[in-house]
């Protein structure tokens, strides 16, 4: 694995280009502001009716409609939701982006699954920070950065990698680490991590644990604290120094329970299911199912959102959080001292 830092990047490459950021949501806001503060020439491209138009103007950006901004861009970064990018490219970029420009993404979804087929004259690259937009921005403002992935799908100019390194450096990722990869690996691992562990796996584990305690007569408030509230403590310890750091920092009782009970919950059958999930991602089935739902108005997504918002863990949690001083929302010190400090790469 190749990792690059600011010393490996020529920031002047991006500073000498006209950059258009399509979108001003979480990632769009972070990329645009970090680039601007680093000395790049940035235009934000939005729909005229976008609620973000006034926000971008208030932040000091020249804001234009997409078809007006794109023809002047040397690099166009697509930072609208995945499900909207193909239509945006087909209707507003395909014919207007200038010859030999750079088309950039922060996720490989549309390129890897061939929902966007870029013109042959364009460099196509990916700069994907491994963190939400507000973190990309806040870390930059403190003089730090969020690691990112860099990939080149097409290198017409012979300079695509250098352009990507320059861009990544200007948004702050060169301070933490720029990891070279490809669109396939980024897309498939990202989707799998979200579905099997970070979002789908974790939320289902939390909700089922809560339900088991409540169904066995324990107070919902106790179930909420034990199965949801304290997750942050464990995640913070893992983030600081890995799984062993967490195990070192918790009680012996909790550590023993980790070893003997964890494999009963997440077992060989669970792993077989994960293999099937990965296969559906690799084959493009998940991407097709997701886009089919989006193109139909999102009936499945809306039903999922409605059902989960009505679960008692949400109402119990909302009530508890409203009664807790802010200082109590964060878990107190671990039972044993930490021995691994934050690494530069974190």
C-alpha atoms as a PDB file:
ATOM      1  CA  UNK A   1       0.000   0.000   0.000  1.00  0.00           C
ATOM      2  CA  UNK A   2       1.388   3.381  -1.039  1.00  0.00           C
ATOM      3  CA  UNK A   3       0.766   6.343   1.282  1.00  0.00           C
ATOM      4  CA  UNK A   4       1.560   9.944   0.343  1.00  0.00           C
ATOM      5  CA  UNK A   5       1.801  13.146   2.380  1.00  0.00           C
ATOM      6  CA  UNK A   6       2.014  16.891   1.724  1.00  0.00           C
ATOM      7  CA  UNK A   7       5.697  16.555   0.858  1.00  0.00           C
ATOM      8  CA  UNK A   8       4.733  14.306  -2.079  1.00  0.00           C
ATOM      9  CA  UNK A   9       2.220  16.767  -3.552  1.00  0.00           C
ATOM     10  CA  UNK A  10       2.601  19.910  -5.645  1.00  0.00           C
ATOM     11  CA  UNK A  11      -0.150  22.166  -4.334  1.00  0.00           C
ATOM     12  CA  UNK A  12       0.408  24.666  -7.127  1.00  0.00           C
ATOM     13  CA  UNK A  13      -1.149  22.262  -9.640  1.00  0.00           C
ATOM     14  CA  UNK A  14      -4.632  22.783  -8.200  1.00  0.00           C
ATOM     15  CA  UNK A  15      -3.975  26.423  -7.343  1.00  0.00           C
ATOM     16  CA  UNK A  16      -3.371  27.056 -11.047  1.00  0.00           C
ATOM     17  CA  UNK A  17      -6.663  25.411 -12.070  1.00  0.00           C
ATOM     18  CA  UNK A  18     -10.275  26.553 -12.074  1.00  0.00           C
ATOM     19  CA  UNK A  19     -12.156  24.210  -9.734  1.00  0.00           C
ATOM     20  CA  UNK A  20     -15.915  23.679  -9.788  1.00  0.00           C
ATOM     21  CA  UNK A  21     -17.523  21.891  -6.845  1.00  0.00           C
ATOM     22  CA  UNK A  22     -20.932  20.474  -7.784  1.00  0.00           C
ATOM     23  CA  UNK A  23     -22.948  20.419  -4.577  1.00  0.00           C
ATOM     24  CA  UNK A  24     -22.619  22.174  -1.223  1.00  0.00           C
ATOM     25  CA  UNK A  25     -23.755  19.547   1.257  1.00  0.00           C
ATOM     26  CA  UNK A  26     -21.552  17.847   3.829  1.00  0.00           C
ATOM     27  CA  UNK A  27     -18.619  16.950   1.572  1.00  0.00           C
ATOM     28  CA  UNK A  28     -19.182  19.818  -0.875  1.00  0.00           C
ATOM     29  CA  UNK A  29     -19.025  22.388   1.908  1.00  0.00           C
ATOM     30  CA  UNK A  30     -15.836  20.851   3.302  1.00  0.00           C
ATOM     31  CA  UNK A  31     -13.994  20.490  -0.009  1.00  0.00           C
ATOM     32  CA  UNK A  32     -14.950  23.959  -1.217  1.00  0.00           C
ATOM     33  CA  UNK A  33     -13.952  25.766   1.974  1.00  0.00           C
ATOM     34  CA  UNK A  34     -10.729  23.825   2.491  1.00  0.00           C
ATOM     35  CA  UNK A  35      -9.669  24.421  -1.107  1.00  0.00           C
ATOM     36  CA  UNK A  36     -10.518  28.127  -0.873  1.00  0.00           C
ATOM     37  CA  UNK A  37      -8.620  28.526   2.385  1.00  0.00           C
ATOM     38  CA  UNK A  38      -5.645  26.767   0.787  1.00  0.00           C
ATOM     39  CA  UNK A  39      -5.547  29.302  -2.022  1.00  0.00           C
ATOM     40  CA  UNK A  40      -7.451  27.544  -4.812  1.00  0.00           C
ATOM     41  CA  UNK A  41      -9.868  29.241  -7.198  1.00  0.00           C
ATOM     42  CA  UNK A  42     -13.236  27.624  -6.435  1.00  0.00           C
ATOM     43  CA  UNK A  43     -16.711  28.046  -7.887  1.00  0.00           C
ATOM     44  CA  UNK A  44     -19.698  26.278  -6.340  1.00  0.00           C
ATOM     45  CA  UNK A  45     -22.229  24.912  -8.835  1.00  0.00           C
ATOM     46  CA  UNK A  46     -25.835  24.424  -7.700  1.00  0.00           C
ATOM     47  CA  UNK A  47     -29.396  24.432  -8.923  1.00  0.00           C
ATOM     48  CA  UNK A  48     -30.865  27.928  -8.634  1.00  0.00           C
ATOM     49  CA  UNK A  49     -33.567  26.668  -6.268  1.00  0.00           C
ATOM     50  CA  UNK A  50     -31.055  24.934  -3.992  1.00  0.00           C
ATOM     51  CA  UNK A  51     -31.319  25.773  -0.305  1.00  0.00           C
ATOM     52  CA  UNK A  52     -27.512  25.753  -0.217  1.00  0.00           C
ATOM     53  CA  UNK A  53     -27.151  28.663  -2.652  1.00  0.00           C
ATOM     54  CA  UNK A  54     -27.404  31.348   0.041  1.00  0.00           C
ATOM     55  CA  UNK A  55     -25.093  29.373   2.359  1.00  0.00           C
ATOM     56  CA  UNK A  56     -22.387  29.147  -0.278  1.00  0.00           C
ATOM     57  CA  UNK A  57     -22.680  32.839  -1.121  1.00  0.00           C
ATOM     58  CA  UNK A  58     -22.520  33.741   2.578  1.00  0.00           C
ATOM     59  CA  UNK A  59     -19.269  31.758   2.800  1.00  0.00           C
ATOM     60  CA  UNK A  60     -17.786  33.988   0.094  1.00  0.00           C
ATOM     61  CA  UNK A  61     -18.109  31.734  -2.953  1.00  0.00           C
ATOM     62  CA  UNK A  62     -18.986  32.636  -6.501  1.00  0.00           C
ATOM     63  CA  UNK A  63     -22.082  30.470  -6.984  1.00  0.00           C
ATOM     64  CA  UNK A  64     -23.402  29.593 -10.427  1.00  0.00           C
ATOM     65  CA  UNK A  65     -25.851  27.203 -11.976  1.00  0.00           C
ATOM     66  CA  UNK A  66     -24.162  24.018 -13.133  1.00  0.00           C
ATOM     67  CA  UNK A  67     -24.413  24.670 -16.871  1.00  0.00           C
ATOM     68  CA  UNK A  68     -22.885  28.135 -16.370  1.00  0.00           C
ATOM     69  CA  UNK A  69     -20.032  26.998 -14.124  1.00  0.00           C
ATOM     70  CA  UNK A  70     -18.859  23.780 -15.762  1.00  0.00           C
ATOM     71  CA  UNK A  71     -17.647  25.118 -19.172  1.00  0.00           C
ATOM     72  CA  UNK A  72     -14.944  27.179 -17.432  1.00  0.00           C
ATOM     73  CA  UNK A  73     -13.696  24.397 -15.154  1.00  0.00           C
ATOM     74  CA  UNK A  74     -10.367  22.632 -15.409  1.00  0.00           C
ATOM     75  CA  UNK A  75     -11.579  20.197 -12.747  1.00  0.00           C
ATOM     76  CA  UNK A  76     -15.162  19.324 -11.816  1.00  0.00           C
ATOM     77  CA  UNK A  77     -15.688  17.545  -8.489  1.00  0.00           C
ATOM     78  CA  UNK A  78     -19.033  15.721  -8.192  1.00  0.00           C
ATOM     79  CA  UNK A  79     -20.253  15.993  -4.603  1.00  0.00           C
ATOM     80  CA  UNK A  80     -23.985  15.495  -4.924  1.00  0.00           C
ATOM     81  CA  UNK A  81     -25.617  12.230  -3.728  1.00  0.00           C
ATOM     82  CA  UNK A  82     -24.676   9.085  -5.645  1.00  0.00           C
ATOM     83  CA  UNK A  83     -28.197   8.557  -6.951  1.00  0.00           C
ATOM     84  CA  UNK A  84     -28.259  11.995  -8.610  1.00  0.00           C
ATOM     85  CA  UNK A  85     -24.864  11.993 -10.279  1.00  0.00           C
ATOM     86  CA  UNK A  86     -25.658  10.052 -13.462  1.00  0.00           C
ATOM     87  CA  UNK A  87     -28.538  12.350 -14.412  1.00  0.00           C
ATOM     88  CA  UNK A  88     -26.441  15.390 -13.546  1.00  0.00           C
ATOM     89  CA  UNK A  89     -23.584  14.185 -15.759  1.00  0.00           C
ATOM     90  CA  UNK A  90     -25.830  13.256 -18.678  1.00  0.00           C
ATOM     91  CA  UNK A  91     -27.884  16.467 -18.629  1.00  0.00           C
ATOM     92  CA  UNK A  92     -25.413  19.109 -17.503  1.00  0.00           C
ATOM     93  CA  UNK A  93     -21.790  17.915 -17.826  1.00  0.00           C
ATOM     94  CA  UNK A  94     -21.431  15.524 -20.736  1.00  0.00           C
ATOM     95  CA  UNK A  95     -21.675  18.193 -23.417  1.00  0.00           C
ATOM     96  CA  UNK A  96     -20.493  21.226 -21.442  1.00  0.00           C
ATOM     97  CA  UNK A  97     -17.352  20.145 -19.598  1.00  0.00           C
ATOM     98  CA  UNK A  98     -14.449  21.376 -21.670  1.00  0.00           C
ATOM     99  CA  UNK A  99     -12.054  19.184 -23.600  1.00  0.00           C
ATOM    100  CA  UNK A 100      -9.274  17.524 -21.590  1.00  0.00           C
ATOM    101  CA  UNK A 101     -10.708  18.573 -18.226  1.00  0.00           C
ATOM    102  CA  UNK A 102     -10.648  16.463 -15.065  1.00  0.00           C
ATOM    103  CA  UNK A 103     -13.785  14.779 -13.745  1.00  0.00           C
ATOM    104  CA  UNK A 104     -13.422  13.944 -10.041  1.00  0.00           C
ATOM    105  CA  UNK A 105     -15.443  11.985  -7.508  1.00  0.00           C
ATOM    106  CA  UNK A 106     -15.331  11.344  -3.758  1.00  0.00           C
ATOM    107  CA  UNK A 107     -16.812   7.843  -4.143  1.00  0.00           C
ATOM    108  CA  UNK A 108     -16.373   5.333  -6.957  1.00  0.00           C
ATOM    109  CA  UNK A 109     -20.007   4.177  -7.089  1.00  0.00           C
ATOM    110  CA  UNK A 110     -21.120   5.652 -10.419  1.00  0.00           C
ATOM    111  CA  UNK A 111     -17.891   4.969 -12.286  1.00  0.00           C
ATOM    112  CA  UNK A 112     -17.351   1.434 -11.002  1.00  0.00           C
ATOM    113  CA  UNK A 113     -20.928   0.338 -11.745  1.00  0.00           C
ATOM    114  CA  UNK A 114     -20.839   2.168 -15.105  1.00  0.00           C
ATOM    115  CA  UNK A 115     -23.766   4.440 -14.364  1.00  0.00           C
ATOM    116  CA  UNK A 116     -21.593   7.257 -15.663  1.00  0.00           C
ATOM    117  CA  UNK A 117     -19.501   6.665 -18.796  1.00  0.00           C
ATOM    118  CA  UNK A 118     -17.199   9.705 -18.960  1.00  0.00           C
ATOM    119  CA  UNK A 119     -16.116  11.159 -22.284  1.00  0.00           C
ATOM    120  CA  UNK A 120     -12.899   9.647 -23.584  1.00  0.00           C
ATOM    121  CA  UNK A 121     -10.944  12.909 -23.406  1.00  0.00           C
ATOM    122  CA  UNK A 122     -11.423  13.394 -19.652  1.00  0.00           C
ATOM    123  CA  UNK A 123      -9.105  12.441 -16.824  1.00  0.00           C
ATOM    124  CA  UNK A 124     -11.202  10.617 -14.225  1.00  0.00           C
ATOM    125  CA  UNK A 125      -9.982  10.532 -10.631  1.00  0.00           C
ATOM    126  CA  UNK A 126     -11.239   9.976  -7.099  1.00  0.00           C
ATOM    127  CA  UNK A 127     -10.306  11.803  -3.911  1.00  0.00           C
ATOM    128  CA  UNK A 128     -12.291  10.185  -1.103  1.00  0.00           C
ATOM    129  CA  UNK A 129     -11.786  11.470   2.468  1.00  0.00           C
ATOM    130  CA  UNK A 130     -12.398   8.733   5.033  1.00  0.00           C
ATOM    131  CA  UNK A 131     -14.663  10.798   7.212  1.00  0.00           C
ATOM    132  CA  UNK A 132     -17.856  12.870   7.075  1.00  0.00           C
ATOM    133  CA  UNK A 133     -17.672  16.365   5.657  1.00  0.00           C
ATOM    134  CA  UNK A 134     -17.924  18.193   8.973  1.00  0.00           C
ATOM    135  CA  UNK A 135     -14.872  16.250  10.174  1.00  0.00           C
ATOM    136  CA  UNK A 136     -12.948  17.007   6.975  1.00  0.00           C
ATOM    137  CA  UNK A 137     -13.622  20.682   7.621  1.00  0.00           C
ATOM    138  CA  UNK A 138     -13.054  20.760  11.393  1.00  0.00           C
ATOM    139  CA  UNK A 139      -9.798  18.793  11.185  1.00  0.00           C
ATOM    140  CA  UNK A 140      -8.505  21.147   8.506  1.00  0.00           C
ATOM    141  CA  UNK A 141      -9.351  24.177  10.646  1.00  0.00           C
ATOM    142  CA  UNK A 142      -7.312  22.788  13.562  1.00  0.00           C
ATOM    143  CA  UNK A 143      -4.286  22.204  11.336  1.00  0.00           C
ATOM    144  CA  UNK A 144      -4.870  18.451  11.053  1.00  0.00           C
ATOM    145  CA  UNK A 145      -6.543  16.411   8.339  1.00  0.00           C
ATOM    146  CA  UNK A 146      -8.597  13.342   7.500  1.00  0.00           C
ATOM    147  CA  UNK A 147      -6.900  10.501   5.579  1.00  0.00           C
ATOM    148  CA  UNK A 148      -8.217   9.975   2.087  1.00  0.00           C
ATOM    149  CA  UNK A 149      -8.136   7.485  -0.759  1.00  0.00           C
ATOM    150  CA  UNK A 150      -6.778   8.439  -4.175  1.00  0.00           C
ATOM    151  CA  UNK A 151      -7.576   6.543  -7.365  1.00  0.00           C
ATOM    152  CA  UNK A 152      -7.104   7.138 -11.081  1.00  0.00           C
ATOM    153  CA  UNK A 153      -9.682   5.617 -13.423  1.00  0.00           C
ATOM    154  CA  UNK A 154      -8.420   7.290 -16.589  1.00  0.00           C
ATOM    155  CA  UNK A 155      -5.198   9.229 -17.168  1.00  0.00           C
ATOM    156  CA  UNK A 156      -5.424  11.007 -20.519  1.00  0.00           C
ATOM    157  CA  UNK A 157      -3.149  13.893 -19.561  1.00  0.00           C
ATOM    158  CA  UNK A 158      -0.461  11.753 -17.930  1.00  0.00           C
ATOM    159  CA  UNK A 159      -0.845  14.001 -14.881  1.00  0.00           C
ATOM    160  CA  UNK A 160      -3.997  12.607 -13.273  1.00  0.00           C
ATOM    161  CA  UNK A 161      -2.255  11.206 -10.198  1.00  0.00           C
ATOM    162  CA  UNK A 162      -0.345  14.429  -9.564  1.00  0.00           C
ATOM    163  CA  UNK A 163      -3.592  16.391  -9.897  1.00  0.00           C
ATOM    164  CA  UNK A 164      -5.283  14.085  -7.389  1.00  0.00           C
ATOM    165  CA  UNK A 165      -2.399  14.378  -4.929  1.00  0.00           C
ATOM    166  CA  UNK A 166      -2.505  18.155  -5.208  1.00  0.00           C
ATOM    167  CA  UNK A 167      -6.254  18.262  -4.596  1.00  0.00           C
ATOM    168  CA  UNK A 168      -6.026  15.873  -1.640  1.00  0.00           C
ATOM    169  CA  UNK A 169      -3.245  17.930  -0.118  1.00  0.00           C
ATOM    170  CA  UNK A 170      -5.218  21.169  -0.378  1.00  0.00           C
ATOM    171  CA  UNK A 171      -8.239  19.721   1.446  1.00  0.00           C
ATOM    172  CA  UNK A 172      -5.947  18.679   4.306  1.00  0.00           C
ATOM    173  CA  UNK A 173      -5.524  14.975   3.673  1.00  0.00           C
ATOM    174  CA  UNK A 174      -1.803  15.258   3.009  1.00  0.00           C
ATOM    175  CA  UNK A 175      -1.390  16.027   6.704  1.00  0.00           C
ATOM    176  CA  UNK A 176      -2.811  12.613   7.645  1.00  0.00           C
ATOM    177  CA  UNK A 177      -2.128  10.316   4.704  1.00  0.00           C
ATOM    178  CA  UNK A 178      -3.251   9.848   1.097  1.00  0.00           C
ATOM    179  CA  UNK A 179      -3.677   6.156   0.302  1.00  0.00           C
ATOM    180  CA  UNK A 180      -3.492   5.002  -3.311  1.00  0.00           C
ATOM    181  CA  UNK A 181      -6.196   2.546  -4.404  1.00  0.00           C
ATOM    182  CA  UNK A 182      -8.580   1.973  -7.315  1.00  0.00           C
ATOM    183  CA  UNK A 183     -12.272   2.627  -7.963  1.00  0.00           C
ATOM    184  CA  UNK A 184     -13.273  -1.030  -7.601  1.00  0.00           C
ATOM    185  CA  UNK A 185     -11.658  -1.592  -4.205  1.00  0.00           C
ATOM    186  CA  UNK A 186     -12.865   1.722  -2.780  1.00  0.00           C
ATOM    187  CA  UNK A 187     -16.439   1.200  -3.897  1.00  0.00           C
ATOM    188  CA  UNK A 188     -16.836  -2.412  -2.848  1.00  0.00           C
ATOM    189  CA  UNK A 189     -15.095  -2.109   0.525  1.00  0.00           C
ATOM    190  CA  UNK A 190     -16.954   1.115   1.311  1.00  0.00           C
ATOM    191  CA  UNK A 191     -20.365  -0.417   0.602  1.00  0.00           C
ATOM    192  CA  UNK A 192     -19.519  -3.604   2.467  1.00  0.00           C
ATOM    193  CA  UNK A 193     -18.188  -1.760   5.526  1.00  0.00           C
ATOM    194  CA  UNK A 194     -21.298   0.423   5.674  1.00  0.00           C
ATOM    195  CA  UNK A 195     -23.746  -2.442   5.302  1.00  0.00           C
ATOM    196  CA  UNK A 196     -22.135  -5.261   7.258  1.00  0.00           C
ATOM    197  CA  UNK A 197     -20.411  -3.372  10.083  1.00  0.00           C
ATOM    198  CA  UNK A 198     -20.561   0.395  10.456  1.00  0.00           C
ATOM    199  CA  UNK A 199     -24.211   1.095   9.754  1.00  0.00           C
ATOM    200  CA  UNK A 200     -26.305  -2.001   9.027  1.00  0.00           C
ATOM    201  CA  UNK A 201     -24.457  -4.390  11.311  1.00  0.00           C
ATOM    202  CA  UNK A 202     -24.063  -2.004  14.226  1.00  0.00           C
ATOM    203  CA  UNK A 203     -27.558  -0.540  14.213  1.00  0.00           C
ATOM    204  CA  UNK A 204     -29.170  -3.991  13.957  1.00  0.00           C
ATOM    205  CA  UNK A 205     -27.026  -5.271  16.832  1.00  0.00           C
ATOM    206  CA  UNK A 206     -27.937  -2.274  19.007  1.00  0.00           C
ATOM    207  CA  UNK A 207     -31.646  -2.505  18.240  1.00  0.00           C
ATOM    208  CA  UNK A 208     -31.864  -6.268  18.783  1.00  0.00           C
ATOM    209  CA  UNK A 209     -29.956  -6.063  22.063  1.00  0.00           C
ATOM    210  CA  UNK A 210     -32.328  -3.341  23.245  1.00  0.00           C
ATOM    211  CA  UNK A 211     -35.359  -5.434  22.266  1.00  0.00           C
ATOM    212  CA  UNK A 212     -34.101  -8.544  24.095  1.00  0.00           C
ATOM    213  CA  UNK A 213     -33.685  -6.639  27.371  1.00  0.00           C
ATOM    214  CA  UNK A 214     -37.066  -4.902  27.098  1.00  0.00           C
ATOM    215  CA  UNK A 215     -38.848  -8.136  26.137  1.00  0.00           C
ATOM    216  CA  UNK A 216     -37.405  -9.726  29.268  1.00  0.00           C
ATOM    217  CA  UNK A 217     -38.853  -7.075  31.539  1.00  0.00           C
ATOM    218  CA  UNK A 218     -35.954  -4.656  31.977  1.00  0.00           C
ATOM    219  CA  UNK A 219     -36.676  -0.912  31.910  1.00  0.00           C
ATOM    220  CA  UNK A 220     -36.293   0.581  28.394  1.00  0.00           C
ATOM    221  CA  UNK A 221     -34.085   3.293  29.850  1.00  0.00           C
ATOM    222  CA  UNK A 222     -31.634   0.714  31.191  1.00  0.00           C
ATOM    223  CA  UNK A 223     -31.688  -1.111  27.848  1.00  0.00           C
ATOM    224  CA  UNK A 224     -30.959   2.152  26.024  1.00  0.00           C
ATOM    225  CA  UNK A 225     -27.946   2.944  28.188  1.00  0.00           C
ATOM    226  CA  UNK A 226     -26.461  -0.545  27.980  1.00  0.00           C
ATOM    227  CA  UNK A 227     -27.007  -1.177  24.267  1.00  0.00           C
ATOM    228  CA  UNK A 228     -26.763   2.273  22.652  1.00  0.00           C
ATOM    229  CA  UNK A 229     -25.458   5.016  24.917  1.00  0.00           C
ATOM    230  CA  UNK A 230     -22.227   3.263  25.891  1.00  0.00           C
ATOM    231  CA  UNK A 231     -21.306   2.376  22.312  1.00  0.00           C
ATOM    232  CA  UNK A 232     -19.422   5.664  22.074  1.00  0.00           C
ATOM    233  CA  UNK A 233     -17.050   4.672  24.889  1.00  0.00           C
ATOM    234  CA  UNK A 234     -16.117   1.448  23.143  1.00  0.00           C
ATOM    235  CA  UNK A 235     -15.776   3.031  19.712  1.00  0.00           C
ATOM    236  CA  UNK A 236     -13.552   5.804  21.062  1.00  0.00           C
ATOM    237  CA  UNK A 237     -11.233   3.269  22.678  1.00  0.00           C
ATOM    238  CA  UNK A 238     -11.025   1.228  19.470  1.00  0.00           C
ATOM    239  CA  UNK A 239     -10.364   4.370  17.434  1.00  0.00           C
ATOM    240  CA  UNK A 240      -7.564   5.411  19.771  1.00  0.00           C
ATOM    241  CA  UNK A 241      -5.617   2.169  19.667  1.00  0.00           C
ATOM    242  CA  UNK A 242      -7.414  -0.770  18.084  1.00  0.00           C
ATOM    243  CA  UNK A 243      -9.335  -3.689  19.552  1.00  0.00           C
ATOM    244  CA  UNK A 244      -6.652  -4.617  22.075  1.00  0.00           C
ATOM    245  CA  UNK A 245      -6.549  -1.060  23.397  1.00  0.00           C
ATOM    246  CA  UNK A 246     -10.274  -1.303  24.070  1.00  0.00           C
ATOM    247  CA  UNK A 247      -9.895  -4.674  25.787  1.00  0.00           C
ATOM    248  CA  UNK A 248      -7.042  -3.315  27.914  1.00  0.00           C
ATOM    249  CA  UNK A 249      -9.170  -0.350  29.011  1.00  0.00           C
ATOM    250  CA  UNK A 250     -12.407  -2.093  30.004  1.00  0.00           C
ATOM    251  CA  UNK A 251     -13.072  -4.229  33.083  1.00  0.00           C
ATOM    252  CA  UNK A 252     -11.907  -7.844  33.259  1.00  0.00           C
ATOM    253  CA  UNK A 253     -15.552  -8.910  33.389  1.00  0.00           C
ATOM    254  CA  UNK A 254     -16.310  -7.089  30.142  1.00  0.00           C
ATOM    255  CA  UNK A 255     -13.154  -8.399  28.495  1.00  0.00           C
ATOM    256  CA  UNK A 256     -13.974 -12.015  29.402  1.00  0.00           C
ATOM    257  CA  UNK A 257     -17.499 -11.544  28.078  1.00  0.00           C
ATOM    258  CA  UNK A 258     -16.053 -10.188  24.847  1.00  0.00           C
ATOM    259  CA  UNK A 259     -14.054 -13.380  24.266  1.00  0.00           C
ATOM    260  CA  UNK A 260     -16.692 -15.956  25.220  1.00  0.00           C
ATOM    261  CA  UNK A 261     -19.896 -14.291  23.995  1.00  0.00           C
ATOM    262  CA  UNK A 262     -18.949 -12.218  20.957  1.00  0.00           C
ATOM    263  CA  UNK A 263     -18.329 -15.272  18.730  1.00  0.00           C
ATOM    264  CA  UNK A 264     -21.749 -16.644  19.711  1.00  0.00           C
ATOM    265  CA  UNK A 265     -23.434 -13.500  18.368  1.00  0.00           C
ATOM    266  CA  UNK A 266     -21.292 -12.989  15.280  1.00  0.00           C
ATOM    267  CA  UNK A 267     -20.520 -16.540  14.238  1.00  0.00           C
ATOM    268  CA  UNK A 268     -19.797 -18.631  11.138  1.00  0.00           C
ATOM    269  CA  UNK A 269     -23.377 -18.234   9.971  1.00  0.00           C
ATOM    270  CA  UNK A 270     -23.056 -14.458  10.255  1.00  0.00           C
ATOM    271  CA  UNK A 271     -19.821 -14.578   8.291  1.00  0.00           C
ATOM    272  CA  UNK A 272     -21.507 -16.635   5.557  1.00  0.00           C
ATOM    273  CA  UNK A 273     -24.174 -13.945   5.329  1.00  0.00           C
ATOM    274  CA  UNK A 274     -21.457 -11.321   5.048  1.00  0.00           C
ATOM    275  CA  UNK A 275     -19.953 -13.275   2.152  1.00  0.00           C
ATOM    276  CA  UNK A 276     -23.335 -13.147   0.400  1.00  0.00           C
ATOM    277  CA  UNK A 277     -23.618  -9.419   1.059  1.00  0.00           C
ATOM    278  CA  UNK A 278     -20.185  -8.854  -0.472  1.00  0.00           C
ATOM    279  CA  UNK A 279     -21.122 -10.974  -3.492  1.00  0.00           C
ATOM    280  CA  UNK A 280     -24.251  -8.856  -4.074  1.00  0.00           C
ATOM    281  CA  UNK A 281     -22.134  -5.708  -3.887  1.00  0.00           C
ATOM    282  CA  UNK A 282     -19.506  -7.093  -6.273  1.00  0.00           C
ATOM    283  CA  UNK A 283     -22.112  -8.220  -8.808  1.00  0.00           C
ATOM    284  CA  UNK A 284     -23.798  -4.817  -8.832  1.00  0.00           C
ATOM    285  CA  UNK A 285     -27.092  -6.167  -7.443  1.00  0.00           C
ATOM    286  CA  UNK A 286     -27.110  -3.789  -4.490  1.00  0.00           C
ATOM    287  CA  UNK A 287     -26.357  -0.819  -6.741  1.00  0.00           C
ATOM    288  CA  UNK A 288     -29.163  -1.790  -9.140  1.00  0.00           C
ATOM    289  CA  UNK A 289     -31.653  -2.317  -6.316  1.00  0.00           C
ATOM    290  CA  UNK A 290     -30.725   1.018  -4.744  1.00  0.00           C
ATOM    291  CA  UNK A 291     -31.031   2.941  -8.001  1.00  0.00           C
ATOM    292  CA  UNK A 292     -34.311   1.206  -8.900  1.00  0.00           C
ATOM    293  CA  UNK A 293     -35.784   2.374  -5.596  1.00  0.00           C
ATOM    294  CA  UNK A 294     -34.438   5.908  -6.095  1.00  0.00           C
ATOM    295  CA  UNK A 295     -35.823   6.076  -9.631  1.00  0.00           C
ATOM    296  CA  UNK A 296     -39.243   4.959  -8.352  1.00  0.00           C
ATOM    297  CA  UNK A 297     -39.434   7.754  -5.804  1.00  0.00           C
ATOM    298  CA  UNK A 298     -37.838   5.846  -2.938  1.00  0.00           C
ATOM    299  CA  UNK A 299     -40.796   3.778  -1.632  1.00  0.00           C
ATOM    300  CA  UNK A 300     -38.569   1.263   0.157  1.00  0.00           C
ATOM    301  CA  UNK A 301     -36.292   3.945   1.618  1.00  0.00           C
ATOM    302  CA  UNK A 302     -39.270   5.940   2.863  1.00  0.00           C
ATOM    303  CA  UNK A 303     -40.804   2.853   4.468  1.00  0.00           C
ATOM    304  CA  UNK A 304     -37.497   1.959   6.165  1.00  0.00           C
ATOM    305  CA  UNK A 305     -37.147   5.501   7.505  1.00  0.00           C
ATOM    306  CA  UNK A 306     -40.718   5.562   8.799  1.00  0.00           C
ATOM    307  CA  UNK A 307     -40.495   2.184  10.521  1.00  0.00           C
ATOM    308  CA  UNK A 308     -37.153   2.846  12.225  1.00  0.00           C
ATOM    309  CA  UNK A 309     -38.161   6.328  13.402  1.00  0.00           C
ATOM    310  CA  UNK A 310     -41.154   4.806  15.192  1.00  0.00           C
ATOM    311  CA  UNK A 311     -39.104   2.258  17.168  1.00  0.00           C
ATOM    312  CA  UNK A 312     -39.204   2.772  20.937  1.00  0.00           C
ATOM    313  CA  UNK A 313     -35.407   3.051  21.157  1.00  0.00           C
ATOM    314  CA  UNK A 314     -35.749   6.408  19.396  1.00  0.00           C
ATOM    315  CA  UNK A 315     -38.400   7.861  21.696  1.00  0.00           C
ATOM    316  CA  UNK A 316     -36.705   6.533  24.841  1.00  0.00           C
ATOM    317  CA  UNK A 317     -33.369   7.918  23.690  1.00  0.00           C
ATOM    318  CA  UNK A 318     -34.809  11.309  22.837  1.00  0.00           C
ATOM    319  CA  UNK A 319     -36.372  11.618  26.282  1.00  0.00           C
ATOM    320  CA  UNK A 320     -33.207  10.536  28.086  1.00  0.00           C
ATOM    321  CA  UNK A 321     -30.939  12.857  26.108  1.00  0.00           C
ATOM    322  CA  UNK A 322     -33.221  15.809  26.860  1.00  0.00           C
ATOM    323  CA  UNK A 323     -32.810  15.156  30.598  1.00  0.00           C
ATOM    324  CA  UNK A 324     -29.034  14.754  30.602  1.00  0.00           C
ATOM    325  CA  UNK A 325     -26.579  17.636  30.965  1.00  0.00           C
ATOM    326  CA  UNK A 326     -24.210  17.699  28.018  1.00  0.00           C
ATOM    327  CA  UNK A 327     -21.342  16.493  30.216  1.00  0.00           C
ATOM    328  CA  UNK A 328     -23.226  13.272  30.989  1.00  0.00           C
ATOM    329  CA  UNK A 329     -23.734  12.380  27.342  1.00  0.00           C
ATOM    330  CA  UNK A 330     -20.055  11.475  27.186  1.00  0.00           C
ATOM    331  CA  UNK A 331     -18.966   8.385  29.103  1.00  0.00           C
ATOM    332  CA  UNK A 332     -16.553   8.881  32.009  1.00  0.00           C
ATOM    333  CA  UNK A 333     -12.983   7.599  32.247  1.00  0.00           C
ATOM    334  CA  UNK A 334     -12.199   3.939  31.477  1.00  0.00           C
ATOM    335  CA  UNK A 335     -11.476   1.518  34.305  1.00  0.00           C
ATOM    336  CA  UNK A 336      -7.805   1.201  33.335  1.00  0.00           C
ATOM    337  CA  UNK A 337      -5.516   3.897  31.901  1.00  0.00           C
ATOM    338  CA  UNK A 338      -5.013   4.167  28.180  1.00  0.00           C
ATOM    339  CA  UNK A 339      -1.508   3.328  27.029  1.00  0.00           C
ATOM    340  CA  UNK A 340      -1.759   4.190  23.330  1.00  0.00           C
ATOM    341  CA  UNK A 341      -2.080   7.815  22.273  1.00  0.00           C
ATOM    342  CA  UNK A 342      -3.668   9.140  19.117  1.00  0.00           C
ATOM    343  CA  UNK A 343      -1.555   8.354  16.075  1.00  0.00           C
ATOM    344  CA  UNK A 344      -0.897  10.912  13.399  1.00  0.00           C
ATOM    345  CA  UNK A 345      -2.685   8.704  10.876  1.00  0.00           C
ATOM    346  CA  UNK A 346      -5.957   8.601  12.876  1.00  0.00           C
END
